[in-house]
Amino acid sequence: MSPTAILAGCAELPSGDGDDDAVVPALTALGFSVSSAPWDSPADFSSADAVVLRATWDYAARRTEFLAWCESVPSLFNAAEVVRWNTDKSYLVELLDAGVPVVPTSLVSPGSPASFPSSDFVVKPSVGAGSRGVARFAAGADASSHVAALHAEGHGALIQPYQSSVDSSGELALVYLGGIYSHAFTKAAMLESTMDESGLYRSEKLAPATPPVDAVALAEDVLDAASALLGILRAELLYARVDLVRGADGKPLLLELELTEPSLGFRQTDPAAALRFASAVRQQLA
């Protein structure tokens, strides 16, 4: 009998935003019976050989419910404990404490006062997806009301100095499948972009990229550090996307590590990437 794989989305995007379209035939070619379903639908996730988190982009407003669902799925990728850790961006502080070069990040928990950098800065919710709730402020601005609004939603707030390299170079996203580098793409600055018609994420301008050696080296260090914190092997991560920017000194810094439901840029890379993804799914089952 063919192994079954369900690609989990959400009610607004049950089969994703189109980026994963090549994944379905690739999985089918490797013997899988493939379907898509919103994570909160009545689909029989418990009997699937693999449930792969893809466009579950409504989780931020329902994180407790989403995590409970994740823990109820026997064969979830990435695993529920990875999702719990990664869906709260306070993991950036843990990686910073572990010695990883991260964009300077301070976490302001609900009820705590906030202080703001003397340069331009960004405030974002500790739990969020698709750049929703992220705002940029000018040097000297008082962003207390935005922080309070995030706190009112039950989330902490992350404060980071704005990295001006994003305006000229954007972000560099490096994709790993089964712990092994697959491909990379760039993302233009998004804070001024419009929301997609689904209302779940800001529209992105993406382009294929060949990552420089120092970026690959940092991405490798990020995955090693995250795996150590999680107590797993890198190979246990079906997918990972490491988002980097350049600091004022020109060196790469970690902006985010996406282990839950990232777009993986299949439309921005070689056609074989979808087959590498399908092969990585088989690896997880083995």
C-alpha atoms as a PDB file:
ATOM      1  CA  MET A   1       0.000   0.000   0.000  1.00  0.00           C
ATOM      2  CA  SER A   2       1.258   3.480  -0.841  1.00  0.00           C
ATOM      3  CA  PRO A   3       2.297   5.641   2.111  1.00  0.00           C
ATOM      4  CA  THR A   4      -0.074   8.557   2.663  1.00  0.00           C
ATOM      5  CA  ALA A   5       0.976  12.174   3.040  1.00  0.00           C
ATOM      6  CA  ILE A   6      -1.269  15.097   3.985  1.00  0.00           C
ATOM      7  CA  LEU A   7      -0.069  18.642   3.361  1.00  0.00           C
ATOM      8  CA  ALA A   8      -1.658  20.717   6.118  1.00  0.00           C
ATOM      9  CA  GLY A   9      -2.871  24.219   5.317  1.00  0.00           C
ATOM     10  CA  CYS A  10      -5.577  26.443   6.771  1.00  0.00           C
ATOM     11  CA  ALA A  11      -9.177  27.237   5.852  1.00  0.00           C
ATOM     12  CA  GLU A  12      -8.147  30.301   3.823  1.00  0.00           C
ATOM     13  CA  LEU A  13      -5.346  28.429   2.019  1.00  0.00           C
ATOM     14  CA  PRO A  14      -6.144  24.707   2.212  1.00  0.00           C
ATOM     15  CA  SER A  15      -3.587  23.822  -0.463  1.00  0.00           C
ATOM     16  CA  GLY A  16      -1.167  26.677   0.090  1.00  0.00           C
ATOM     17  CA  ASP A  17      -0.271  29.735  -1.962  1.00  0.00           C
ATOM     18  CA  GLY A  18       1.010  27.813  -4.980  1.00  0.00           C
ATOM     19  CA  ASP A  19       4.626  27.487  -3.888  1.00  0.00           C
ATOM     20  CA  ASP A  20       4.152  23.823  -2.991  1.00  0.00           C
ATOM     21  CA  ASP A  21       2.438  22.860  -6.251  1.00  0.00           C
ATOM     22  CA  ALA A  22       5.499  20.956  -7.467  1.00  0.00           C
ATOM     23  CA  VAL A  23       5.679  18.982  -4.224  1.00  0.00           C
ATOM     24  CA  VAL A  24       2.536  16.950  -4.915  1.00  0.00           C
ATOM     25  CA  PRO A  25       3.768  15.308  -8.155  1.00  0.00           C
ATOM     26  CA  ALA A  26       7.206  14.818  -6.605  1.00  0.00           C
ATOM     27  CA  LEU A  27       5.727  12.944  -3.638  1.00  0.00           C
ATOM     28  CA  THR A  28       3.475  10.977  -5.973  1.00  0.00           C
ATOM     29  CA  ALA A  29       6.492   9.998  -8.085  1.00  0.00           C
ATOM     30  CA  LEU A  30       8.129   8.569  -4.964  1.00  0.00           C
ATOM     31  CA  GLY A  31       5.106   6.414  -4.167  1.00  0.00           C
ATOM     32  CA  PHE A  32       3.011   8.606  -1.874  1.00  0.00           C
ATOM     33  CA  SER A  33      -0.736   9.075  -1.978  1.00  0.00           C
ATOM     34  CA  VAL A  34      -1.020  12.829  -1.402  1.00  0.00           C
ATOM     35  CA  SER A  35      -3.849  15.100  -0.256  1.00  0.00           C
ATOM     36  CA  SER A  36      -4.200  18.574   1.259  1.00  0.00           C
ATOM     37  CA  ALA A  37      -6.433  19.707   4.122  1.00  0.00           C
ATOM     38  CA  PRO A  38      -6.763  22.555   6.623  1.00  0.00           C
ATOM     39  CA  TRP A  39      -5.190  21.601   9.934  1.00  0.00           C
ATOM     40  CA  ASP A  40      -8.477  22.162  11.790  1.00  0.00           C
ATOM     41  CA  SER A  41     -10.582  20.126   9.348  1.00  0.00           C
ATOM     42  CA  PRO A  42     -12.100  16.661  10.051  1.00  0.00           C
ATOM     43  CA  ALA A  43      -9.413  14.980   7.886  1.00  0.00           C
ATOM     44  CA  ASP A  44      -8.018  11.755   9.343  1.00  0.00           C
ATOM     45  CA  PHE A  45      -4.573  13.077  10.220  1.00  0.00           C
ATOM     46  CA  SER A  46      -3.914  10.352  12.786  1.00  0.00           C
ATOM     47  CA  SER A  47      -3.820   7.583  10.191  1.00  0.00           C
ATOM     48  CA  ALA A  48      -1.523   9.358   7.696  1.00  0.00           C
ATOM     49  CA  ASP A  49       2.050   8.186   7.381  1.00  0.00           C
ATOM     50  CA  ALA A  50       3.190  11.808   7.159  1.00  0.00           C
ATOM     51  CA  VAL A  51       1.427  15.070   7.947  1.00  0.00           C
ATOM     52  CA  VAL A  52       3.529  17.952   6.670  1.00  0.00           C
ATOM     53  CA  LEU A  53       2.888  21.449   7.987  1.00  0.00           C
ATOM     54  CA  ARG A  54       2.714  23.867   5.090  1.00  0.00           C
ATOM     55  CA  ALA A  55       0.374  26.874   4.895  1.00  0.00           C
ATOM     56  CA  THR A  56      -0.959  26.724   8.479  1.00  0.00           C
ATOM     57  CA  TRP A  57      -0.693  30.495   8.577  1.00  0.00           C
ATOM     58  CA  ASP A  58      -3.645  31.212  10.849  1.00  0.00           C
ATOM     59  CA  TYR A  59      -2.021  29.578  13.871  1.00  0.00           C
ATOM     60  CA  ALA A  60      -0.823  32.785  15.524  1.00  0.00           C
ATOM     61  CA  ALA A  61      -4.307  33.779  16.706  1.00  0.00           C
ATOM     62  CA  ARG A  62      -5.018  30.207  17.864  1.00  0.00           C
ATOM     63  CA  ARG A  63      -1.628  28.972  18.980  1.00  0.00           C
ATOM     64  CA  THR A  64      -2.846  26.996  22.004  1.00  0.00           C
ATOM     65  CA  GLU A  65      -5.398  25.147  19.869  1.00  0.00           C
ATOM     66  CA  PHE A  66      -2.859  24.659  17.083  1.00  0.00           C
ATOM     67  CA  LEU A  67      -0.235  23.195  19.415  1.00  0.00           C
ATOM     68  CA  ALA A  68      -2.787  20.817  20.929  1.00  0.00           C
ATOM     69  CA  TRP A  69      -3.629  19.630  17.417  1.00  0.00           C
ATOM     70  CA  CYS A  70       0.062  19.222  16.580  1.00  0.00           C
ATOM     71  CA  GLU A  71       0.561  17.048  19.641  1.00  0.00           C
ATOM     72  CA  SER A  72      -2.383  14.871  18.588  1.00  0.00           C
ATOM     73  CA  VAL A  73      -0.840  14.006  15.209  1.00  0.00           C
ATOM     74  CA  PRO A  74       1.452  10.950  15.454  1.00  0.00           C
ATOM     75  CA  SER A  75       3.537  11.581  12.320  1.00  0.00           C
ATOM     76  CA  LEU A  76       3.861  15.371  12.137  1.00  0.00           C
ATOM     77  CA  PHE A  77       6.700  17.146  10.349  1.00  0.00           C
ATOM     78  CA  ASN A  78       8.235  19.066  11.779  1.00  0.00           C
ATOM     79  CA  ALA A  79       7.498  17.479  15.151  1.00  0.00           C
ATOM     80  CA  ALA A  80       5.205  19.086  17.723  1.00  0.00           C
ATOM     81  CA  GLU A  81       8.042  19.878  20.149  1.00  0.00           C
ATOM     82  CA  VAL A  82       9.871  21.711  17.365  1.00  0.00           C
ATOM     83  CA  VAL A  83       6.706  23.638  16.523  1.00  0.00           C
ATOM     84  CA  ARG A  84       6.139  24.659  20.158  1.00  0.00           C
ATOM     85  CA  TRP A  85       9.684  26.034  20.396  1.00  0.00           C
ATOM     86  CA  ASN A  86       9.701  27.723  17.015  1.00  0.00           C
ATOM     87  CA  THR A  87       6.274  29.409  17.080  1.00  0.00           C
ATOM     88  CA  ASP A  88       7.397  31.736  19.870  1.00  0.00           C
ATOM     89  CA  LYS A  89      10.152  33.997  18.581  1.00  0.00           C
ATOM     90  CA  SER A  90      11.718  34.154  22.014  1.00  0.00           C
ATOM     91  CA  TYR A  91      13.792  31.277  20.608  1.00  0.00           C
ATOM     92  CA  LEU A  92      15.929  34.056  19.078  1.00  0.00           C
ATOM     93  CA  VAL A  93      17.008  35.072  22.562  1.00  0.00           C
ATOM     94  CA  GLU A  94      17.939  31.454  23.322  1.00  0.00           C
ATOM     95  CA  LEU A  95      20.053  31.274  20.174  1.00  0.00           C
ATOM     96  CA  LEU A  96      21.640  34.627  21.033  1.00  0.00           C
ATOM     97  CA  ASP A  97      22.500  33.298  24.488  1.00  0.00           C
ATOM     98  CA  ALA A  98      23.991  30.214  22.813  1.00  0.00           C
ATOM     99  CA  GLY A  99      26.444  32.433  20.953  1.00  0.00           C
ATOM    100  CA  VAL A 100      24.733  32.550  17.549  1.00  0.00           C
ATOM    101  CA  PRO A 101      25.109  35.879  15.695  1.00  0.00           C
ATOM    102  CA  VAL A 102      21.497  37.075  15.853  1.00  0.00           C
ATOM    103  CA  VAL A 103      20.059  40.499  15.048  1.00  0.00           C
ATOM    104  CA  PRO A 104      20.114  42.148  18.513  1.00  0.00           C
ATOM    105  CA  THR A 105      16.813  41.169  20.094  1.00  0.00           C
ATOM    106  CA  SER A 106      15.099  42.117  23.339  1.00  0.00           C
ATOM    107  CA  LEU A 107      11.946  40.403  24.536  1.00  0.00           C
ATOM    108  CA  VAL A 108       9.339  42.447  26.413  1.00  0.00           C
ATOM    109  CA  SER A 109       6.888  40.206  28.238  1.00  0.00           C
ATOM    110  CA  PRO A 110       3.323  41.372  28.983  1.00  0.00           C
ATOM    111  CA  GLY A 111       3.354  43.703  31.962  1.00  0.00           C
ATOM    112  CA  SER A 112       7.024  44.668  31.530  1.00  0.00           C
ATOM    113  CA  PRO A 113       8.173  48.136  30.425  1.00  0.00           C
ATOM    114  CA  ALA A 114       9.857  48.562  27.047  1.00  0.00           C
ATOM    115  CA  SER A 115      12.932  50.561  26.105  1.00  0.00           C
ATOM    116  CA  PHE A 116      13.701  51.389  22.511  1.00  0.00           C
ATOM    117  CA  PRO A 117      16.943  51.641  20.510  1.00  0.00           C
ATOM    118  CA  SER A 118      18.403  55.029  19.613  1.00  0.00           C
ATOM    119  CA  SER A 119      18.347  54.032  15.927  1.00  0.00           C
ATOM    120  CA  ASP A 120      15.446  52.981  13.696  1.00  0.00           C
ATOM    121  CA  PHE A 121      13.885  49.817  15.085  1.00  0.00           C
ATOM    122  CA  VAL A 122      11.286  47.146  14.505  1.00  0.00           C
ATOM    123  CA  VAL A 123       8.657  45.815  16.915  1.00  0.00           C
ATOM    124  CA  LYS A 124       7.099  42.442  16.208  1.00  0.00           C
ATOM    125  CA  PRO A 125       4.904  39.995  18.129  1.00  0.00           C
ATOM    126  CA  SER A 126       6.674  37.035  19.708  1.00  0.00           C
ATOM    127  CA  VAL A 127       3.968  34.845  18.172  1.00  0.00           C
ATOM    128  CA  GLY A 128       3.127  35.749  14.610  1.00  0.00           C
ATOM    129  CA  ALA A 129       3.396  34.741  10.963  1.00  0.00           C
ATOM    130  CA  GLY A 130       3.424  36.482   7.592  1.00  0.00           C
ATOM    131  CA  SER A 131       4.824  39.743   9.058  1.00  0.00           C
ATOM    132  CA  ARG A 132       1.449  40.558  10.641  1.00  0.00           C
ATOM    133  CA  GLY A 133       1.804  42.915  13.590  1.00  0.00           C
ATOM    134  CA  VAL A 134       5.339  43.959  12.571  1.00  0.00           C
ATOM    135  CA  ALA A 135       6.000  47.705  12.513  1.00  0.00           C
ATOM    136  CA  ARG A 136       9.044  49.869  11.870  1.00  0.00           C
ATOM    137  CA  PHE A 137       9.714  53.012  13.906  1.00  0.00           C
ATOM    138  CA  ALA A 138      12.095  55.918  13.448  1.00  0.00           C
ATOM    139  CA  ALA A 139      14.907  56.654  15.865  1.00  0.00           C
ATOM    140  CA  GLY A 140      13.589  58.313  19.014  1.00  0.00           C
ATOM    141  CA  ALA A 141      10.021  57.158  18.481  1.00  0.00           C
ATOM    142  CA  ASP A 142       7.910  55.902  21.349  1.00  0.00           C
ATOM    143  CA  ALA A 143       6.420  52.564  20.306  1.00  0.00           C
ATOM    144  CA  SER A 144       4.806  51.873  23.676  1.00  0.00           C
ATOM    145  CA  SER A 145       1.281  51.859  22.243  1.00  0.00           C
ATOM    146  CA  HIS A 146       2.231  49.201  19.664  1.00  0.00           C
ATOM    147  CA  VAL A 147       3.901  47.100  22.342  1.00  0.00           C
ATOM    148  CA  ALA A 148       0.794  47.473  24.521  1.00  0.00           C
ATOM    149  CA  ALA A 149      -1.405  46.365  21.618  1.00  0.00           C
ATOM    150  CA  LEU A 150       0.689  43.221  21.164  1.00  0.00           C
ATOM    151  CA  HIS A 151       0.547  42.572  24.899  1.00  0.00           C
ATOM    152  CA  ALA A 152      -3.233  42.969  24.809  1.00  0.00           C
ATOM    153  CA  GLU A 153      -3.340  40.095  22.327  1.00  0.00           C
ATOM    154  CA  GLY A 154      -1.500  37.950  24.862  1.00  0.00           C
ATOM    155  CA  HIS A 155       1.896  38.013  23.163  1.00  0.00           C
ATOM    156  CA  GLY A 156       5.305  39.267  24.115  1.00  0.00           C
ATOM    157  CA  ALA A 157       6.978  41.870  21.914  1.00  0.00           C
ATOM    158  CA  LEU A 158      10.367  41.620  20.257  1.00  0.00           C
ATOM    159  CA  ILE A 159      12.341  44.798  19.682  1.00  0.00           C
ATOM    160  CA  GLN A 160      15.191  44.797  17.159  1.00  0.00           C
ATOM    161  CA  PRO A 161      17.308  47.562  15.609  1.00  0.00           C
ATOM    162  CA  TYR A 162      16.311  47.929  11.964  1.00  0.00           C
ATOM    163  CA  GLN A 163      18.977  46.501   9.672  1.00  0.00           C
ATOM    164  CA  SER A 164      19.377  49.025   6.842  1.00  0.00           C
ATOM    165  CA  SER A 165      20.921  46.382   4.564  1.00  0.00           C
ATOM    166  CA  VAL A 166      17.381  45.051   4.075  1.00  0.00           C
ATOM    167  CA  ASP A 167      16.542  48.153   2.030  1.00  0.00           C
ATOM    168  CA  SER A 168      19.264  47.430  -0.519  1.00  0.00           C
ATOM    169  CA  SER A 169      19.800  43.668  -0.308  1.00  0.00           C
ATOM    170  CA  GLY A 170      16.697  42.280   1.372  1.00  0.00           C
ATOM    171  CA  GLU A 171      16.870  39.020   3.275  1.00  0.00           C
ATOM    172  CA  LEU A 172      18.621  35.837   2.223  1.00  0.00           C
ATOM    173  CA  ALA A 173      16.714  32.616   2.909  1.00  0.00           C
ATOM    174  CA  LEU A 174      18.638  29.337   2.951  1.00  0.00           C
ATOM    175  CA  VAL A 175      16.547  26.165   2.762  1.00  0.00           C
ATOM    176  CA  TYR A 176      17.587  22.853   4.312  1.00  0.00           C
ATOM    177  CA  LEU A 177      15.804  19.556   3.700  1.00  0.00           C
ATOM    178  CA  GLY A 178      16.510  16.688   6.080  1.00  0.00           C
ATOM    179  CA  GLY A 179      19.286  18.804   7.592  1.00  0.00           C
ATOM    180  CA  ILE A 180      21.102  19.205   4.248  1.00  0.00           C
ATOM    181  CA  TYR A 181      21.382  22.439   2.261  1.00  0.00           C
ATOM    182  CA  SER A 182      19.051  22.510  -0.746  1.00  0.00           C
ATOM    183  CA  HIS A 183      18.739  26.036  -2.195  1.00  0.00           C
ATOM    184  CA  ALA A 184      18.430  29.730  -1.420  1.00  0.00           C
ATOM    185  CA  PHE A 185      16.429  32.773  -2.453  1.00  0.00           C
ATOM    186  CA  THR A 186      16.222  36.444  -1.605  1.00  0.00           C
ATOM    187  CA  LYS A 187      13.271  38.339  -0.151  1.00  0.00           C
ATOM    188  CA  ALA A 188      12.900  42.074  -0.690  1.00  0.00           C
ATOM    189  CA  ALA A 189      11.977  44.337   2.229  1.00  0.00           C
ATOM    190  CA  MET A 190       8.365  43.586   3.187  1.00  0.00           C
ATOM    191  CA  LEU A 191       7.331  46.092   5.830  1.00  0.00           C
ATOM    192  CA  GLU A 192       5.812  48.439   3.259  1.00  0.00           C
ATOM    193  CA  SER A 193       4.260  45.686   1.115  1.00  0.00           C
ATOM    194  CA  THR A 194       0.534  44.956   1.037  1.00  0.00           C
ATOM    195  CA  MET A 195      -1.231  42.015   2.589  1.00  0.00           C
ATOM    196  CA  ASP A 196      -2.195  39.089   0.386  1.00  0.00           C
ATOM    197  CA  GLU A 197      -5.912  38.797  -0.394  1.00  0.00           C
ATOM    198  CA  SER A 198      -6.142  36.008   2.205  1.00  0.00           C
ATOM    199  CA  GLY A 199      -5.099  38.539   4.870  1.00  0.00           C
ATOM    200  CA  LEU A 200      -2.609  36.046   6.302  1.00  0.00           C
ATOM    201  CA  TYR A 201       0.725  37.360   5.006  1.00  0.00           C
ATOM    202  CA  ARG A 202       2.397  40.257   3.260  1.00  0.00           C
ATOM    203  CA  SER A 203       3.130  39.799  -0.432  1.00  0.00           C
ATOM    204  CA  GLU A 204       6.791  39.020  -1.061  1.00  0.00           C
ATOM    205  CA  LYS A 205       9.135  39.746  -3.948  1.00  0.00           C
ATOM    206  CA  LEU A 206      11.363  36.678  -4.220  1.00  0.00           C
ATOM    207  CA  ALA A 207      14.296  35.790  -6.466  1.00  0.00           C
ATOM    208  CA  PRO A 208      16.698  32.833  -6.715  1.00  0.00           C
ATOM    209  CA  ALA A 209      20.098  33.275  -5.076  1.00  0.00           C
ATOM    210  CA  THR A 210      23.496  31.656  -4.706  1.00  0.00           C
ATOM    211  CA  PRO A 211      24.466  32.160  -1.058  1.00  0.00           C
ATOM    212  CA  PRO A 212      27.971  33.369  -0.199  1.00  0.00           C
ATOM    213  CA  VAL A 213      30.164  31.125   1.907  1.00  0.00           C
ATOM    214  CA  ASP A 214      29.848  33.168   5.110  1.00  0.00           C
ATOM    215  CA  ALA A 215      26.047  32.967   4.923  1.00  0.00           C
ATOM    216  CA  VAL A 216      26.131  29.193   4.488  1.00  0.00           C
ATOM    217  CA  ALA A 217      28.544  28.879   7.412  1.00  0.00           C
ATOM    218  CA  LEU A 218      26.218  30.861   9.683  1.00  0.00           C
ATOM    219  CA  ALA A 219      23.165  28.887   8.558  1.00  0.00           C
ATOM    220  CA  GLU A 220      25.006  25.668   9.425  1.00  0.00           C
ATOM    221  CA  ASP A 221      25.859  27.047  12.875  1.00  0.00           C
ATOM    222  CA  VAL A 222      22.234  28.113  13.398  1.00  0.00           C
ATOM    223  CA  LEU A 223      20.912  24.627  12.626  1.00  0.00           C
ATOM    224  CA  ASP A 224      23.493  22.981  14.853  1.00  0.00           C
ATOM    225  CA  ALA A 225      22.685  25.323  17.754  1.00  0.00           C
ATOM    226  CA  ALA A 226      18.917  24.924  17.343  1.00  0.00           C
ATOM    227  CA  SER A 227      19.201  21.142  17.161  1.00  0.00           C
ATOM    228  CA  ALA A 228      21.290  21.124  20.332  1.00  0.00           C
ATOM    229  CA  LEU A 229      18.710  23.262  22.157  1.00  0.00           C
ATOM    230  CA  LEU A 230      15.932  20.930  20.977  1.00  0.00           C
ATOM    231  CA  GLY A 231      17.888  17.772  21.772  1.00  0.00           C
ATOM    232  CA  ILE A 232      17.509  16.364  18.250  1.00  0.00           C
ATOM    233  CA  LEU A 233      19.654  15.627  15.224  1.00  0.00           C
ATOM    234  CA  ARG A 234      19.606  18.035  12.289  1.00  0.00           C
ATOM    235  CA  ALA A 235      18.425  15.170  10.108  1.00  0.00           C
ATOM    236  CA  GLU A 236      15.205  15.041  12.156  1.00  0.00           C
ATOM    237  CA  LEU A 237      14.154  18.398  10.701  1.00  0.00           C
ATOM    238  CA  LEU A 238      12.245  17.708   7.494  1.00  0.00           C
ATOM    239  CA  TYR A 239      12.731  21.338   6.521  1.00  0.00           C
ATOM    240  CA  ALA A 240      14.317  24.484   7.850  1.00  0.00           C
ATOM    241  CA  ARG A 241      14.585  27.982   6.428  1.00  0.00           C
ATOM    242  CA  VAL A 242      17.305  30.220   7.803  1.00  0.00           C
ATOM    243  CA  ASP A 243      16.625  33.922   7.141  1.00  0.00           C
ATOM    244  CA  LEU A 244      19.723  36.121   7.253  1.00  0.00           C
ATOM    245  CA  VAL A 245      20.491  39.830   6.873  1.00  0.00           C
ATOM    246  CA  ARG A 246      23.741  41.787   6.855  1.00  0.00           C
ATOM    247  CA  GLY A 247      24.656  43.811   9.912  1.00  0.00           C
ATOM    248  CA  ALA A 248      26.280  47.259   9.867  1.00  0.00           C
ATOM    249  CA  ASP A 249      29.696  45.577   9.701  1.00  0.00           C
ATOM    250  CA  GLY A 250      28.688  43.552   6.657  1.00  0.00           C
ATOM    251  CA  LYS A 251      28.615  40.236   8.493  1.00  0.00           C
ATOM    252  CA  PRO A 252      25.551  37.975   8.296  1.00  0.00           C
ATOM    253  CA  LEU A 253      23.088  37.848  11.186  1.00  0.00           C
ATOM    254  CA  LEU A 254      20.177  35.531  11.875  1.00  0.00           C
ATOM    255  CA  LEU A 255      16.833  37.276  11.498  1.00  0.00           C
ATOM    256  CA  GLU A 256      14.563  34.233  11.870  1.00  0.00           C
ATOM    257  CA  LEU A 257      14.757  30.454  11.831  1.00  0.00           C
ATOM    258  CA  GLU A 258      11.607  29.010  10.273  1.00  0.00           C
ATOM    259  CA  LEU A 259      10.895  25.422  11.323  1.00  0.00           C
ATOM    260  CA  THR A 260       7.092  25.386  11.361  1.00  0.00           C
ATOM    261  CA  GLU A 261       5.339  26.461   8.158  1.00  0.00           C
ATOM    262  CA  PRO A 262       7.708  28.414   5.944  1.00  0.00           C
ATOM    263  CA  SER A 263       7.397  28.995   2.237  1.00  0.00           C
ATOM    264  CA  LEU A 264      10.364  27.096   0.848  1.00  0.00           C
ATOM    265  CA  GLY A 265      10.788  28.950  -2.430  1.00  0.00           C
ATOM    266  CA  PHE A 266      10.224  26.035  -4.791  1.00  0.00           C
ATOM    267  CA  ARG A 267       9.214  28.490  -7.501  1.00  0.00           C
ATOM    268  CA  GLN A 268      12.553  30.283  -7.111  1.00  0.00           C
ATOM    269  CA  THR A 269      14.848  27.286  -7.540  1.00  0.00           C
ATOM    270  CA  ASP A 270      15.590  24.280  -9.704  1.00  0.00           C
ATOM    271  CA  PRO A 271      12.808  21.760 -10.389  1.00  0.00           C
ATOM    272  CA  ALA A 272      14.741  19.033  -8.600  1.00  0.00           C
ATOM    273  CA  ALA A 273      14.212  20.786  -5.247  1.00  0.00           C
ATOM    274  CA  ALA A 274      10.670  19.397  -4.985  1.00  0.00           C
ATOM    275  CA  LEU A 275      12.070  15.910  -5.516  1.00  0.00           C
ATOM    276  CA  ARG A 276      14.675  16.546  -2.811  1.00  0.00           C
ATOM    277  CA  PHE A 277      11.817  17.517  -0.517  1.00  0.00           C
ATOM    278  CA  ALA A 278       9.905  14.340  -1.343  1.00  0.00           C
ATOM    279  CA  SER A 279      13.036  12.277  -0.737  1.00  0.00           C
ATOM    280  CA  ALA A 280      13.463  14.001   2.632  1.00  0.00           C
ATOM    281  CA  VAL A 281       9.907  13.008   3.576  1.00  0.00           C
ATOM    282  CA  ARG A 282      10.767   9.383   2.813  1.00  0.00           C
ATOM    283  CA  GLN A 283      13.910   9.767   4.902  1.00  0.00           C
ATOM    284  CA  GLN A 284      11.838  10.905   7.887  1.00  0.00           C
ATOM    285  CA  LEU A 285       9.606   7.843   7.624  1.00  0.00           C
ATOM    286  CA  ALA A 286      12.634   5.567   7.489  1.00  0.00           C
END
